[in-house]
C-alpha atoms as a PDB file:
ATOM      1  CA  ASP A   1    -167.675 -92.051  39.768  1.00  0.00           C
ATOM      2  CA  GLY A   2    -171.371 -92.952  40.570  1.00  0.00           C
ATOM      3  CA  TRP A   3    -172.458 -93.010  37.072  1.00  0.00           C
ATOM      4  CA  SER A   4    -174.292 -95.468  35.507  1.00  0.00           C
ATOM      5  CA  ARG A   5    -175.247 -95.932  31.694  1.00  0.00           C
ATOM      6  CA  GLU A   6    -179.210 -95.112  32.474  1.00  0.00           C
ATOM      7  CA  ARG A   7    -178.147 -92.248  34.233  1.00  0.00           C
ATOM      8  CA  THR A   8    -175.884 -91.152  31.360  1.00  0.00           C
ATOM      9  CA  GLU A   9    -178.471 -91.544  28.677  1.00  0.00           C
ATOM     10  CA  LEU A  10    -181.154 -89.501  31.083  1.00  0.00           C
ATOM     11  CA  GLU A  11    -178.877 -86.264  31.075  1.00  0.00           C
ATOM     12  CA  VAL A  12    -178.005 -86.538  27.817  1.00  0.00           C
ATOM     13  CA  LEU A  13    -181.882 -86.373  26.905  1.00  0.00           C
ATOM     14  CA  ARG A  14    -182.572 -83.332  28.891  1.00  0.00           C
ATOM     15  CA  ALA A  15    -179.784 -81.298  27.543  1.00  0.00           C
ATOM     16  CA  SER A  16    -181.058 -82.146  24.292  1.00  0.00           C
ATOM     17  CA  ARG A  17    -184.484 -80.998  24.845  1.00  0.00           C
ATOM     18  CA  PRO A  18    -185.324 -77.352  23.234  1.00  0.00           C
ATOM     19  CA  GLN A  19    -184.719 -74.088  25.537  1.00  0.00           C
ATOM     20  CA  GLY A  20    -187.407 -71.966  25.708  1.00  0.00           C
ATOM     21  CA  PRO A  21    -186.913 -68.104  25.412  1.00  0.00           C
ATOM     22  CA  ALA A  22    -185.627 -66.319  28.222  1.00  0.00           C
ATOM     23  CA  ILE A  23    -188.580 -64.494  30.764  1.00  0.00           C
ATOM     24  CA  HIS A  24    -187.672 -60.974  31.915  1.00  0.00           C
ATOM     25  CA  SER A  25    -190.167 -59.525  34.214  1.00  0.00           C
ATOM     26  CA  ARG A  26    -189.624 -56.011  35.063  1.00  0.00           C
ATOM     27  CA  ALA A  27    -192.021 -56.226  37.976  1.00  0.00           C
ATOM     28  CA  TYR A  28    -189.457 -57.635  40.178  1.00  0.00           C
ATOM     29  CA  GLN A  29    -187.552 -54.035  39.721  1.00  0.00           C
ATOM     30  CA  VAL A  30    -190.327 -51.692  39.348  1.00  0.00           C
ATOM     31  CA  GLY A  31    -192.468 -50.768  42.337  1.00  0.00           C
ATOM     32  CA  SER A  32    -194.265 -48.272  43.339  1.00  0.00           C
ATOM     33  CA  GLN A  33    -191.160 -46.422  45.173  1.00  0.00           C
ATOM     34  CA  VAL A  34    -189.581 -46.694  41.302  1.00  0.00           C
ATOM     35  CA  ILE A  35    -192.929 -45.202  39.964  1.00  0.00           C
ATOM     36  CA  GLU A  36    -192.442 -42.492  42.549  1.00  0.00           C
ATOM     37  CA  ALA A  37    -188.861 -41.656  41.899  1.00  0.00           C
ATOM     38  CA  ALA A  38    -189.744 -40.721  38.344  1.00  0.00           C
ATOM     39  CA  ILE A  39    -193.098 -39.455  39.029  1.00  0.00           C
ATOM     40  CA  LEU A  40    -190.554 -36.811  41.490  1.00  0.00           C
ATOM     41  CA  ALA A  41    -187.927 -36.894  38.551  1.00  0.00           C
ATOM     42  CA  HIS A  42    -190.583 -35.532  35.814  1.00  0.00           C
ATOM     43  CA  MET A  43    -191.608 -32.949  38.308  1.00  0.00           C
ATOM     44  CA  GLY A  44    -188.116 -31.731  38.206  1.00  0.00           C
ATOM     45  CA  CYS A  45    -187.333 -33.019  41.591  1.00  0.00           C
ATOM     46  CA  GLU A  46    -184.553 -35.559  41.062  1.00  0.00           C
ATOM     47  CA  ALA A  47    -182.920 -34.370  44.894  1.00  0.00           C
ATOM     48  CA  LEU A  48    -186.229 -35.006  46.579  1.00  0.00           C
ATOM     49  CA  ALA A  49    -186.096 -38.375  45.152  1.00  0.00           C
ATOM     50  CA  GLU A  50    -182.864 -39.651  45.876  1.00  0.00           C
ATOM     51  CA  LYS A  51    -183.122 -38.025  49.507  1.00  0.00           C
ATOM     52  CA  HIS A  52    -186.004 -39.730  50.367  1.00  0.00           C
ATOM     53  CA  LEU A  53    -186.002 -42.947  48.250  1.00  0.00           C
ATOM     54  CA  GLY A  54    -182.127 -43.740  47.579  1.00  0.00           C
ATOM     55  CA  ALA A  55    -179.773 -43.171  44.600  1.00  0.00           C
ATOM     56  CA  GLN A  56    -180.327 -47.078  43.918  1.00  0.00           C
ATOM     57  CA  THR A  57    -184.074 -46.300  43.267  1.00  0.00           C
ATOM     58  CA  ALA A  58    -183.470 -42.837  41.301  1.00  0.00           C
ATOM     59  CA  GLN A  59    -181.221 -44.450  39.224  1.00  0.00           C
ATOM     60  CA  MET A  60    -183.776 -47.597  38.977  1.00  0.00           C
ATOM     61  CA  ALA A  61    -186.537 -44.450  38.030  1.00  0.00           C
ATOM     62  CA  HIS A  62    -184.211 -42.951  35.586  1.00  0.00           C
ATOM     63  CA  ASP A  63    -183.731 -46.523  33.788  1.00  0.00           C
ATOM     64  CA  LEU A  64    -186.913 -46.465  33.236  1.00  0.00           C
ATOM     65  CA  ARG A  65    -186.694 -43.544  30.222  1.00  0.00           C
ATOM     66  CA  ALA A  66    -190.253 -42.537  30.837  1.00  0.00           C
ATOM     67  CA  THR A  67    -190.800 -39.376  29.274  1.00  0.00           C
ATOM     68  CA  SER A  68    -194.181 -38.531  29.628  1.00  0.00           C
ATOM     69  CA  LEU A  69    -197.227 -39.875  32.291  1.00  0.00           C
ATOM     70  CA  VAL A  70    -198.142 -42.030  29.772  1.00  0.00           C
ATOM     71  CA  ASP A  71    -195.094 -44.270  29.918  1.00  0.00           C
ATOM     72  CA  LEU A  72    -195.328 -44.114  33.658  1.00  0.00           C
ATOM     73  CA  CYS A  73    -198.632 -45.358  33.103  1.00  0.00           C
ATOM     74  CA  ARG A  74    -197.282 -47.862  31.488  1.00  0.00           C
ATOM     75  CA  ALA A  75    -194.663 -48.920  33.805  1.00  0.00           C
ATOM     76  CA  SER A  76    -197.093 -48.910  36.732  1.00  0.00           C
ATOM     77  CA  LEU A  77    -199.040 -51.351  34.884  1.00  0.00           C
ATOM     78  CA  GLU A  78    -196.339 -53.617  34.349  1.00  0.00           C
ATOM     79  CA  ALA A  79    -195.202 -53.464  37.873  1.00  0.00           C
ATOM     80  CA  ASP A  80    -198.686 -54.569  39.279  1.00  0.00           C
ATOM     81  CA  GLY A  81    -198.343 -57.559  36.747  1.00  0.00           C
ATOM     82  CA  LYS A  82    -201.451 -55.967  34.666  1.00  0.00           C
ATOM     83  CA  ASP A  83    -202.005 -56.325  30.922  1.00  0.00           C
ATOM     84  CA  VAL A  84    -201.244 -52.718  29.195  1.00  0.00           C
ATOM     85  CA  PRO A  85    -204.171 -52.680  26.936  1.00  0.00           C
ATOM     86  CA  HIS A  86    -203.755 -51.166  23.526  1.00  0.00           C
ATOM     87  CA  GLY A  87    -205.564 -47.734  23.102  1.00  0.00           C
ATOM     88  CA  ARG A  88    -204.005 -44.944  24.895  1.00  0.00           C
ATOM     89  CA  GLU A  89    -207.065 -43.443  27.312  1.00  0.00           C
ATOM     90  CA  ALA A  90    -207.873 -46.824  28.167  1.00  0.00           C
ATOM     91  CA  MET A  91    -204.132 -47.417  29.095  1.00  0.00           C
ATOM     92  CA  ILE A  92    -204.488 -44.470  31.389  1.00  0.00           C
ATOM     93  CA  ARG A  93    -207.663 -45.694  32.717  1.00  0.00           C
ATOM     94  CA  ALA A  94    -206.216 -48.777  33.954  1.00  0.00           C
ATOM     95  CA  ALA A  95    -203.500 -47.302  35.349  1.00  0.00           C
ATOM     96  CA  LEU A  96    -205.325 -45.537  37.558  1.00  0.00           C
ATOM     97  CA  SER A  97    -206.690 -48.157  38.986  1.00  0.00           C
ATOM     98  CA  THR A  98    -203.781 -49.967  39.696  1.00  0.00           C
ATOM     99  CA  TYR A  99    -201.821 -50.177  43.214  1.00  0.00           C
ATOM    100  CA  SER A 100    -198.656 -48.575  42.125  1.00  0.00           C
ATOM    101  CA  LEU A 101    -199.498 -45.213  40.252  1.00  0.00           C
ATOM    102  CA  PRO A 102    -202.101 -43.923  42.477  1.00  0.00           C
ATOM    103  CA  VAL A 103    -199.983 -44.685  45.713  1.00  0.00           C
ATOM    104  CA  ALA A 104    -196.693 -43.224  43.635  1.00  0.00           C
ATOM    105  CA  LEU A 105    -198.505 -39.952  43.023  1.00  0.00           C
ATOM    106  CA  GLY A 106    -199.587 -39.689  46.771  1.00  0.00           C
ATOM    107  CA  ASN A 107    -196.457 -39.871  48.261  1.00  0.00           C
ATOM    108  CA  ALA A 108    -194.824 -37.933  45.650  1.00  0.00           C
ATOM    109  CA  ALA A 109    -197.248 -35.278  46.145  1.00  0.00           C
ATOM    110  CA  ASN A 110    -196.613 -35.434  49.891  1.00  0.00           C
ATOM    111  CA  LYS A 111    -192.779 -35.300  49.943  1.00  0.00           C
ATOM    112  CA  VAL A 112    -193.126 -31.949  48.072  1.00  0.00           C
ATOM    113  CA  LEU A 113    -195.650 -30.923  49.861  1.00  0.00           C
ATOM    114  CA  PHE A 114    -193.322 -31.679  53.496  1.00  0.00           C
ATOM    115  CA  GLU A 115    -190.595 -29.883  51.658  1.00  0.00           C
ATOM    116  CA  ALA A 116    -192.388 -26.535  51.029  1.00  0.00           C
ATOM    117  CA  TYR A 117    -194.063 -26.848  54.669  1.00  0.00           C
ATOM    118  CA  ASP A 118    -190.571 -27.254  56.500  1.00  0.00           C
ATOM    119  CA  GLU A 119    -189.185 -24.400  54.114  1.00  0.00           C
ATOM    120  CA  THR A 120    -192.105 -22.015  55.028  1.00  0.00           C
ATOM    121  CA  PRO A 121    -190.982 -19.458  57.816  1.00  0.00           C
ATOM    122  CA  ALA A 122    -192.392 -19.984  61.164  1.00  0.00           C
ATOM    123  CA  THR A 123    -191.086 -17.577  63.968  1.00  0.00           C
ATOM    124  CA  TRP A 124    -192.835 -19.907  66.796  1.00  0.00           C
ATOM    125  CA  ARG A 125    -190.239 -22.765  66.070  1.00  0.00           C
ATOM    126  CA  ALA A 126    -187.469 -20.341  67.772  1.00  0.00           C
ATOM    127  CA  PHE A 127    -189.230 -20.792  71.024  1.00  0.00           C
ATOM    128  CA  ALA A 128    -192.489 -22.823  71.322  1.00  0.00           C
ATOM    129  CA  HIS A 129    -191.940 -26.454  72.562  1.00  0.00           C
ATOM    130  CA  VAL A 130    -194.021 -29.237  70.634  1.00  0.00           C
ATOM    131  CA  ARG A 131    -195.854 -31.544  72.260  1.00  0.00           C
ATOM    132  CA  SER A 132    -197.426 -35.169  70.989  1.00  0.00           C
ATOM    133  CA  ALA A 133    -200.657 -35.999  71.379  1.00  0.00           C
ATOM    134  CA  ARG A 134    -202.062 -39.865  71.112  1.00  0.00           C
ATOM    135  CA  ASP A 135    -205.534 -38.830  70.278  1.00  0.00           C
ATOM    136  CA  PHE A 136    -207.873 -35.818  70.216  1.00  0.00           C
ATOM    137  CA  LYS A 137    -209.164 -35.812  73.292  1.00  0.00           C
ATOM    138  CA  GLU A 138    -208.060 -32.808  75.820  1.00  0.00           C
ATOM    139  CA  HIS A 139    -204.920 -33.580  77.408  1.00  0.00           C
ATOM    140  CA  THR A 140    -203.309 -32.541  80.628  1.00  0.00           C
ATOM    141  CA  GLY A 141    -199.610 -31.519  80.229  1.00  0.00           C
ATOM    142  CA  VAL A 142    -197.146 -31.358  83.447  1.00  0.00           C
ATOM    143  CA  ARG A 143    -194.496 -28.944  84.490  1.00  0.00           C
ATOM    144  CA  PRO A 144    -192.533 -31.030  87.738  1.00  0.00           C
ATOM    145  CA  SER A 145    -190.954 -28.190  89.550  1.00  0.00           C
ATOM    146  CA  ASP A 146    -188.704 -29.373  93.016  1.00  0.00           C
ATOM    147  CA  THR A 147    -189.533 -27.414  96.094  1.00  0.00           C
ATOM    148  CA  GLY A 148    -186.680 -27.896  97.539  1.00  0.00           C
ATOM    149  CA  GLU A 149    -182.983 -27.329  97.758  1.00  0.00           C
ATOM    150  CA  LEU A 150    -180.127 -30.031  97.595  1.00  0.00           C
ATOM    151  CA  SER A 151    -179.105 -30.843 100.857  1.00  0.00           C
ATOM    152  CA  GLU A 152    -175.385 -31.392 101.899  1.00  0.00           C
ATOM    153  CA  VAL A 153    -175.013 -35.147 102.263  1.00  0.00           C
ATOM    154  CA  PRO A 154    -172.548 -36.302 105.244  1.00  0.00           C
ATOM    155  CA  PRO A 155    -169.760 -39.005 104.671  1.00  0.00           C
ATOM    156  CA  GLY A 156    -171.760 -42.234 104.835  1.00  0.00           C
ATOM    157  CA  GLY A 157    -175.122 -40.399 105.369  1.00  0.00           C
ATOM    158  CA  GLU A 158    -178.315 -40.843 103.315  1.00  0.00           C
ATOM    159  CA  LEU A 159    -179.888 -38.728 100.523  1.00  0.00           C
ATOM    160  CA  LYS A 160    -182.689 -37.161 101.999  1.00  0.00           C
ATOM    161  CA  HIS A 161    -186.413 -37.171 100.491  1.00  0.00           C
ATOM    162  CA  GLY A 162    -187.530 -34.488  98.574  1.00  0.00           C
ATOM    163  CA  SER A 163    -190.972 -33.560  96.981  1.00  0.00           C
ATOM    164  CA  ILE A 164    -191.841 -32.455  93.402  1.00  0.00           C
ATOM    165  CA  GLU A 165    -195.024 -29.765  92.820  1.00  0.00           C
ATOM    166  CA  GLU A 166    -196.544 -30.252  89.280  1.00  0.00           C
ATOM    167  CA  ALA A 167    -198.075 -27.148  87.330  1.00  0.00           C
ATOM    168  CA  THR A 168    -200.502 -28.218  84.626  1.00  0.00           C
ATOM    169  CA  TYR A 169    -202.124 -26.912  81.817  1.00  0.00           C
ATOM    170  CA  LYS A 170    -204.465 -28.132  79.123  1.00  0.00           C
ATOM    171  CA  TYR A 171    -203.898 -28.884  74.852  1.00  0.00           C
ATOM    172  CA  SER A 172    -205.532 -30.815  72.443  1.00  0.00           C
ATOM    173  CA  VAL A 173    -204.744 -31.534  68.808  1.00  0.00           C
ATOM    174  CA  ASP A 174    -207.046 -31.495  65.440  1.00  0.00           C
ATOM    175  CA  THR A 175    -207.203 -31.895  62.070  1.00  0.00           C
ATOM    176  CA  PHE A 176    -207.201 -29.414  59.570  1.00  0.00           C
ATOM    177  CA  GLY A 177    -206.763 -30.557  55.446  1.00  0.00           C
ATOM    178  CA  LYS A 178    -207.179 -30.162  51.941  1.00  0.00           C
ATOM    179  CA  MET A 179    -208.122 -32.660  48.828  1.00  0.00           C
ATOM    180  CA  LEU A 180    -205.364 -32.950  45.954  1.00  0.00           C
ATOM    181  CA  SER A 181    -206.439 -34.468  43.201  1.00  0.00           C
ATOM    182  CA  ILE A 182    -204.836 -35.232  39.468  1.00  0.00           C
ATOM    183  CA  ASP A 183    -207.242 -37.105  36.687  1.00  0.00           C
ATOM    184  CA  ARG A 184    -206.529 -38.624  33.227  1.00  0.00           C
ATOM    185  CA  ARG A 185    -206.632 -35.623  31.862  1.00  0.00           C
ATOM    186  CA  ASP A 186    -203.620 -34.084  33.567  1.00  0.00           C
ATOM    187  CA  ILE A 187    -201.812 -37.174  32.264  1.00  0.00           C
ATOM    188  CA  ILE A 188    -203.333 -36.590  28.880  1.00  0.00           C
ATOM    189  CA  ASN A 189    -201.768 -33.460  28.957  1.00  0.00           C
ATOM    190  CA  ASP A 190    -198.631 -35.016  30.293  1.00  0.00           C
ATOM    191  CA  ASP A 191    -198.686 -31.455  33.031  1.00  0.00           C
ATOM    192  CA  LEU A 192    -197.593 -32.191  36.240  1.00  0.00           C
ATOM    193  CA  SER A 193    -196.789 -28.765  37.001  1.00  0.00           C
ATOM    194  CA  LEU A 194    -200.157 -27.748  38.619  1.00  0.00           C
ATOM    195  CA  PHE A 195    -199.958 -30.717  41.031  1.00  0.00           C
ATOM    196  CA  ASP A 196    -196.389 -29.904  41.749  1.00  0.00           C
ATOM    197  CA  ASP A 197    -197.029 -26.151  42.424  1.00  0.00           C
ATOM    198  CA  THR A 198    -200.510 -26.864  44.035  1.00  0.00           C
ATOM    199  CA  ALA A 199    -198.579 -29.345  46.277  1.00  0.00           C
ATOM    200  CA  ARG A 200    -196.015 -26.649  47.205  1.00  0.00           C
ATOM    201  CA  SER A 201    -199.350 -24.300  47.983  1.00  0.00           C
ATOM    202  CA  LEU A 202    -200.741 -26.686  50.635  1.00  0.00           C
ATOM    203  CA  GLY A 203    -197.357 -27.360  51.780  1.00  0.00           C
ATOM    204  CA  ARG A 204    -197.113 -23.737  53.056  1.00  0.00           C
ATOM    205  CA  ALA A 205    -201.002 -23.147  53.461  1.00  0.00           C
ATOM    206  CA  ALA A 206    -200.409 -25.772  56.409  1.00  0.00           C
ATOM    207  CA  MET A 207    -197.768 -24.249  58.205  1.00  0.00           C
ATOM    208  CA  ARG A 208    -199.518 -20.902  57.997  1.00  0.00           C
ATOM    209  CA  SER A 209    -202.143 -22.209  59.351  1.00  0.00           C
ATOM    210  CA  LEU A 210    -200.063 -23.710  62.461  1.00  0.00           C
ATOM    211  CA  SER A 211    -198.738 -20.430  62.927  1.00  0.00           C
ATOM    212  CA  ASP A 212    -201.976 -18.573  62.689  1.00  0.00           C
ATOM    213  CA  LEU A 213    -202.932 -21.362  66.025  1.00  0.00           C
ATOM    214  CA  VAL A 214    -199.784 -20.574  67.568  1.00  0.00           C
ATOM    215  CA  TYR A 215    -200.320 -16.810  67.774  1.00  0.00           C
ATOM    216  CA  LYS A 216    -203.857 -16.843  68.266  1.00  0.00           C
ATOM    217  CA  VAL A 217    -202.889 -18.722  71.787  1.00  0.00           C
ATOM    218  CA  LEU A 218    -200.355 -16.243  72.355  1.00  0.00           C
ATOM    219  CA  LEU A 219    -202.095 -12.847  71.587  1.00  0.00           C
ATOM    220  CA  ALA A 220    -205.155 -14.296  73.397  1.00  0.00           C
ATOM    221  CA  ASN A 221    -203.275 -13.967  76.324  1.00  0.00           C
ATOM    222  CA  ALA A 222    -205.708 -17.300  77.826  1.00  0.00           C
ATOM    223  CA  GLY A 223    -205.509 -16.987  81.882  1.00  0.00           C
ATOM    224  CA  GLY A 224    -203.865 -13.927  81.966  1.00  0.00           C
ATOM    225  CA  PHE A 225    -200.802 -15.265  81.881  1.00  0.00           C
ATOM    226  CA  PHE A 226    -198.912 -11.935  80.680  1.00  0.00           C
ATOM    227  CA  SER A 227    -199.274  -9.996  84.090  1.00  0.00           C
ATOM    228  CA  ALA A 228    -197.783  -7.774  86.038  1.00  0.00           C
ATOM    229  CA  ALA A 229    -198.872 -10.634  88.792  1.00  0.00           C
ATOM    230  CA  ASN A 230    -196.413 -12.929  86.833  1.00  0.00           C
ATOM    231  CA  GLY A 231    -193.659 -10.393  86.757  1.00  0.00           C
ATOM    232  CA  ASN A 232    -193.740 -10.926  82.948  1.00  0.00           C
ATOM    233  CA  TYR A 233    -195.643  -7.498  81.549  1.00  0.00           C
ATOM    234  CA  ASP A 234    -195.128  -4.251  81.976  1.00  0.00           C
ATOM    235  CA  GLU A 235    -197.086  -1.572  79.722  1.00  0.00           C
ATOM    236  CA  GLY A 236    -196.831   2.272  79.517  1.00  0.00           C
ATOM    237  CA  ALA A 237    -194.404   4.726  77.648  1.00  0.00           C
ATOM    238  CA  THR A 238    -191.332   3.902  78.983  1.00  0.00           C
ATOM    239  CA  THR A 239    -192.065   0.374  77.751  1.00  0.00           C
ATOM    240  CA  ALA A 240    -191.830   1.218  74.083  1.00  0.00           C
ATOM    241  CA  LEU A 241    -188.824  -0.906  72.408  1.00  0.00           C
ATOM    242  CA  SER A 242    -185.368   0.930  73.067  1.00  0.00           C
ATOM    243  CA  SER A 243    -182.147   0.363  74.763  1.00  0.00           C
ATOM    244  CA  THR A 244    -183.284   1.081  78.343  1.00  0.00           C
ATOM    245  CA  SER A 245    -186.677  -0.970  78.080  1.00  0.00           C
ATOM    246  CA  LEU A 246    -184.815  -3.463  76.122  1.00  0.00           C
ATOM    247  CA  GLY A 247    -182.201  -3.948  78.944  1.00  0.00           C
ATOM    248  CA  THR A 248    -185.097  -3.590  81.690  1.00  0.00           C
ATOM    249  CA  GLY A 249    -186.516  -6.428  79.868  1.00  0.00           C
ATOM    250  CA  LEU A 250    -183.427  -9.073  79.782  1.00  0.00           C
ATOM    251  CA  ALA A 251    -182.748  -8.131  83.432  1.00  0.00           C
ATOM    252  CA  ARG A 252    -186.545  -8.698  84.792  1.00  0.00           C
ATOM    253  CA  MET A 253    -186.108 -12.426  83.130  1.00  0.00           C
ATOM    254  CA  MET A 254    -182.797 -13.359  84.664  1.00  0.00           C
ATOM    255  CA  ALA A 255    -184.027 -12.148  88.198  1.00  0.00           C
ATOM    256  CA  GLN A 256    -187.342 -14.678  87.655  1.00  0.00           C
ATOM    257  CA  ARG A 257    -187.894 -16.540  90.458  1.00  0.00           C
ATOM    258  CA  ASP A 258    -190.375 -19.407  92.092  1.00  0.00           C
ATOM    259  CA  ASP A 259    -192.987 -19.464  95.148  1.00  0.00           C
ATOM    260  CA  GLU A 260    -189.980 -19.661  97.204  1.00  0.00           C
ATOM    261  CA  ASN A 261    -188.058 -16.898  96.039  1.00  0.00           C
ATOM    262  CA  ARG A 262    -185.609 -19.404  94.429  1.00  0.00           C
ATOM    263  CA  ASP A 263    -184.004 -18.016  91.169  1.00  0.00           C
ATOM    264  CA  LEU A 264    -184.646 -20.289  87.870  1.00  0.00           C
ATOM    265  CA  ASP A 265    -181.672 -18.937  86.209  1.00  0.00           C
ATOM    266  CA  ILE A 266    -183.458 -18.389  82.998  1.00  0.00           C
ATOM    267  CA  ARG A 267    -181.576 -16.673  80.435  1.00  0.00           C
ATOM    268  CA  ALA A 268    -183.779 -14.545  77.142  1.00  0.00           C
ATOM    269  CA  ARG A 269    -183.050 -16.072  73.938  1.00  0.00           C
ATOM    270  CA  THR A 270    -185.664 -14.076  71.121  1.00  0.00           C
ATOM    271  CA  LEU A 271    -186.638 -10.909  71.101  1.00  0.00           C
ATOM    272  CA  LEU A 272    -189.965 -11.287  69.482  1.00  0.00           C
ATOM    273  CA  VAL A 273    -191.311  -7.865  67.218  1.00  0.00           C
ATOM    274  CA  PRO A 274    -194.195  -6.871  64.915  1.00  0.00           C
ATOM    275  CA  PRO A 275    -192.888  -5.823  61.142  1.00  0.00           C
ATOM    276  CA  GLU A 276    -193.294  -2.259  62.155  1.00  0.00           C
ATOM    277  CA  LEU A 277    -190.257  -2.639  65.556  1.00  0.00           C
ATOM    278  CA  GLN A 278    -188.145  -4.244  62.829  1.00  0.00           C
ATOM    279  CA  GLN A 279    -185.707  -1.389  61.576  1.00  0.00           C
ATOM    280  CA  THR A 280    -185.452  -0.363  65.931  1.00  0.00           C
ATOM    281  CA  ALA A 281    -185.095  -4.246  66.819  1.00  0.00           C
ATOM    282  CA  LYS A 282    -182.093  -4.103  64.416  1.00  0.00           C
ATOM    283  CA  GLU A 283    -180.448  -1.163  65.681  1.00  0.00           C
ATOM    284  CA  LEU A 284    -180.749  -2.187  68.846  1.00  0.00           C
ATOM    285  CA  LEU A 285    -179.211  -5.875  68.347  1.00  0.00           C
ATOM    286  CA  GLN A 286    -176.830  -5.120  65.462  1.00  0.00           C
ATOM    287  CA  SER A 287    -175.342  -1.844  65.864  1.00  0.00           C
ATOM    288  CA  ASP A 288    -171.611  -1.336  67.317  1.00  0.00           C
ATOM    289  CA  PHE A 289    -172.448   1.868  68.681  1.00  0.00           C
ATOM    290  CA  ILE A 290    -175.648   3.525  69.791  1.00  0.00           C
ATOM    291  CA  GLN A 291    -175.670   7.615  69.744  1.00  0.00           C
ATOM    292  CA  ARG A 292    -176.272   8.787  73.625  1.00  0.00           C
ATOM    293  CA  ALA A 293    -177.898  12.129  73.841  1.00  0.00           C
ATOM    294  CA  ASN A 294    -175.323  14.611  73.966  1.00  0.00           C
ATOM    295  CA  ASN A 295    -172.994  12.590  73.062  1.00  0.00           C
ATOM    296  CA  ASP A 296    -172.576  11.011  75.880  1.00  0.00           C
ATOM    297  CA  LEU A 297    -170.007   8.239  76.370  1.00  0.00           C
ATOM    298  CA  PRO A 298    -170.100   5.118  76.306  1.00  0.00           C
ATOM    299  CA  THR A 299    -171.166   5.125  72.713  1.00  0.00           C
ATOM    300  CA  GLY A 300    -170.512   1.383  72.463  1.00  0.00           C
ATOM    301  CA  ASN A 301    -173.710  -1.159  71.977  1.00  0.00           C
ATOM    302  CA  ALA A 302    -173.901  -3.088  74.740  1.00  0.00           C
ATOM    303  CA  LEU A 303    -176.961  -5.146  73.387  1.00  0.00           C
ATOM    304  CA  LYS A 304    -175.471  -6.129  70.456  1.00  0.00           C
ATOM    305  CA  ASN A 305    -176.464  -9.872  69.649  1.00  0.00           C
ATOM    306  CA  ALA A 306    -177.981  -9.873  73.021  1.00  0.00           C
ATOM    307  CA  VAL A 307    -180.570 -12.320  71.986  1.00  0.00           C
ATOM    308  CA  ALA A 308    -181.650 -13.257  68.874  1.00  0.00           C
ATOM    309  CA  LEU A 309    -184.778 -11.814  66.429  1.00  0.00           C
ATOM    310  CA  GLU A 310    -187.828 -12.863  65.085  1.00  0.00           C
ATOM    311  CA  VAL A 311    -190.208 -10.865  63.169  1.00  0.00           C
ATOM    312  CA  GLU A 312    -194.029 -11.870  63.409  1.00  0.00           C
ATOM    313  CA  PRO A 313    -196.397 -10.081  60.744  1.00  0.00           C
ATOM    314  CA  ARG A 314    -199.387 -11.667  62.807  1.00  0.00           C
ATOM    315  CA  LEU A 315    -198.701  -9.756  66.473  1.00  0.00           C
ATOM    316  CA  SER A 316    -200.113  -6.534  64.992  1.00  0.00           C
ATOM    317  CA  ASN A 317    -202.625  -7.932  62.119  1.00  0.00           C
ATOM    318  CA  ALA A 318    -205.845  -6.662  63.648  1.00  0.00           C
ATOM    319  CA  GLN A 319    -207.714  -7.860  60.596  1.00  0.00           C
ATOM    320  CA  ARG A 320    -206.935 -11.852  61.259  1.00  0.00           C
ATOM    321  CA  PHE A 321    -206.398 -11.764  65.173  1.00  0.00           C
ATOM    322  CA  THR A 322    -207.223 -10.364  68.507  1.00  0.00           C
ATOM    323  CA  GLY A 323    -204.842  -8.687  70.950  1.00  0.00           C
ATOM    324  CA  THR A 324    -202.438  -7.455  68.566  1.00  0.00           C
ATOM    325  CA  SER A 325    -200.382  -4.271  68.386  1.00  0.00           C
ATOM    326  CA  ASP A 326    -197.556  -2.544  66.263  1.00  0.00           C
ATOM    327  CA  LYS A 327    -195.429  -1.551  69.386  1.00  0.00           C
ATOM    328  CA  ALA A 328    -195.518  -4.739  71.806  1.00  0.00           C
ATOM    329  CA  TRP A 329    -192.765  -6.729  71.689  1.00  0.00           C
ATOM    330  CA  TYR A 330    -192.223 -10.049  73.467  1.00  0.00           C
ATOM    331  CA  LEU A 331    -188.912 -11.707  75.365  1.00  0.00           C
ATOM    332  CA  PHE A 332    -188.895 -15.666  75.320  1.00  0.00           C
ATOM    333  CA  ALA A 333    -186.396 -18.227  76.874  1.00  0.00           C
ATOM    334  CA  SER A 334    -185.330 -21.032  74.905  1.00  0.00           C
ATOM    335  CA  ARG A 335    -187.549 -24.074  73.737  1.00  0.00           C
ATOM    336  CA  GLN A 336    -185.825 -26.034  76.617  1.00  0.00           C
ATOM    337  CA  ASP A 337    -186.754 -23.920  79.411  1.00  0.00           C
ATOM    338  CA  ALA A 338    -190.818 -24.683  77.979  1.00  0.00           C
ATOM    339  CA  ALA A 339    -191.191 -21.419  77.213  1.00  0.00           C
END
């Protein structure tokens, strides 16, 4: 069997040696993501932890049995392979200087912040097309448009070349922000409520700031985009929001044409109004019947659900914006039409 006397004696000698105690290191199991999931759970956001970090990580965080932020300080030190000081104050200071705890706190705050950001109402999402920018320089956006009609191709014939015109516009991006911090006093007090509330407030503030910028651009009407010459602007007493003026607006949008009088086939998708016109807009778009003067027939509502409704308070907030009105209203096409 290939076993010599010497080999047998050697194996017996090895087996007789005393065995050391088993070493179990939690550093292989606990990382910054597990600490992060535990922080989110401590903030009452278990569902958020499972959504972004996975069920297994959320379960590992639960298995830590961390009942306080001080417990998480200990876990973060062990995860980074650091010695755990005996004193509570020293342990907190040491944990704040590790990699795991600050990263986990920052990531947890970001997840709470972005959840609040996404949940904050933003009416511009209904019609605005989102562009990306690789840097902070001024960029040129391009709207290509075919300047010729399709030509019939005879059997065996060749396709004719068309031409493309480009309408351009300028845009740029910038950075806006505020800093959120947590110190050892919050950990000693075992209080993440302020941390949670502040992160959510910053998330809502971020979306509000973005909405402010959108409506500053819209209300400024840069370059006279909304103008009678462009066929997208009307004013006067007859334009007050009503079944007649709304019907006219819908028809005007369908009748939009390019420079060569080709129909653009654009349909209105969103009616945007200030809060002062909310009731009138809902009556026009949601009522089954509209009472006509002198009870003239028909009484059915031809405009019911004709477009979606968005109510934007910034349109009439004259204290913060210029170009506002409590009577002006807008019709927008879909985002795919680059409204």
